[in-house]
Amino acid sequence: MLTLLLTFLVAAQNRMGERERGDVPGWVLITLMTAGIVTVLWAFAGPRLLTILTDALDAVAPT
């Protein structure tokens, strides 16, 4: 995902030199990068976060 985003950014930067049609708004890039970071972190931390949530709910709710 991160490689795809970096490739997109480099390609967009190369095209900007050819013709000036404006820039991608900063909020779009921030949104894409945030989504990429969340996806990567969720892939690594997802199972652990699920375990923490399950343990917390089990401690509060009687079974």
Protein backbone atom coordinates (compact mmCIF):
# COMPACT_ATOMS: atom_id res chain seq x y z
CA MET A 1 0.00 0.00 0.00
CA LEU A 2 2.77 2.41 0.94
CA THR A 3 4.70 1.57 -2.23
CA LEU A 4 1.61 2.27 -4.32
CA LEU A 5 1.12 5.62 -2.60
CA LEU A 6 4.74 6.64 -3.12
CA THR A 7 4.58 5.62 -6.79
CA PHE A 8 1.44 7.71 -7.21
CA LEU A 9 3.07 10.74 -5.58
CA VAL A 10 6.19 10.51 -7.77
CA ALA A 11 4.10 10.15 -10.92
CA ALA A 12 1.93 13.11 -9.94
CA GLN A 13 5.01 15.22 -9.28
CA ASN A 14 6.48 14.34 -12.70
CA ARG A 15 3.25 15.29 -14.47
CA MET A 16 3.08 18.66 -12.73
CA GLY A 17 6.19 19.81 -14.60
CA GLU A 18 4.61 19.09 -17.99
CA ARG A 19 1.42 21.08 -17.56
CA GLU A 20 0.14 23.18 -14.76
CA ARG A 21 -3.42 22.15 -13.96
CA GLY A 22 -3.22 22.66 -10.24
CA ASP A 23 -2.15 20.57 -7.34
CA VAL A 24 -3.80 17.75 -5.47
CA PRO A 25 -5.26 19.33 -2.34
CA GLY A 26 -3.25 18.70 0.77
CA TRP A 27 -6.19 17.16 2.58
CA VAL A 28 -6.45 14.45 -0.09
CA LEU A 29 -2.81 13.46 0.40
CA ILE A 30 -3.18 13.55 4.18
CA THR A 31 -6.29 11.35 3.96
CA LEU A 32 -4.54 8.82 1.71
CA MET A 33 -1.44 8.68 3.88
CA THR A 34 -3.51 8.32 7.05
CA ALA A 35 -5.49 5.47 5.49
CA GLY A 36 -2.24 3.77 4.51
CA ILE A 37 -0.74 4.13 7.98
CA VAL A 38 -3.90 2.83 9.65
CA THR A 39 -3.99 -0.15 7.28
CA VAL A 40 -0.37 -1.07 7.98
CA LEU A 41 -0.75 -0.65 11.74
CA TRP A 42 -4.01 -2.60 11.78
CA ALA A 43 -2.35 -5.48 9.92
CA PHE A 44 0.30 -5.78 12.62
CA ALA A 45 -1.65 -4.79 15.74
CA GLY A 46 -5.15 -6.03 14.83
CA PRO A 47 -5.00 -9.44 16.51
CA ARG A 48 -3.48 -7.98 19.69
CA LEU A 49 -6.06 -5.18 19.83
CA LEU A 50 -8.86 -7.72 19.42
CA THR A 51 -7.44 -9.76 22.30
CA ILE A 52 -7.22 -6.67 24.52
CA LEU A 53 -10.81 -5.68 23.72
CA THR A 54 -12.13 -9.19 24.29
CA ASP A 55 -10.32 -9.50 27.62
CA ALA A 56 -11.63 -6.12 28.76
CA LEU A 57 -15.22 -6.96 27.84
CA ASP A 58 -14.98 -10.36 29.50
CA ALA A 59 -13.73 -8.72 32.70
CA VAL A 60 -16.70 -6.33 32.79
CA ALA A 61 -19.58 -8.56 31.64
CA PRO A 62 -20.34 -11.66 33.65
CA THR A 63 -20.43 -14.84 31.60
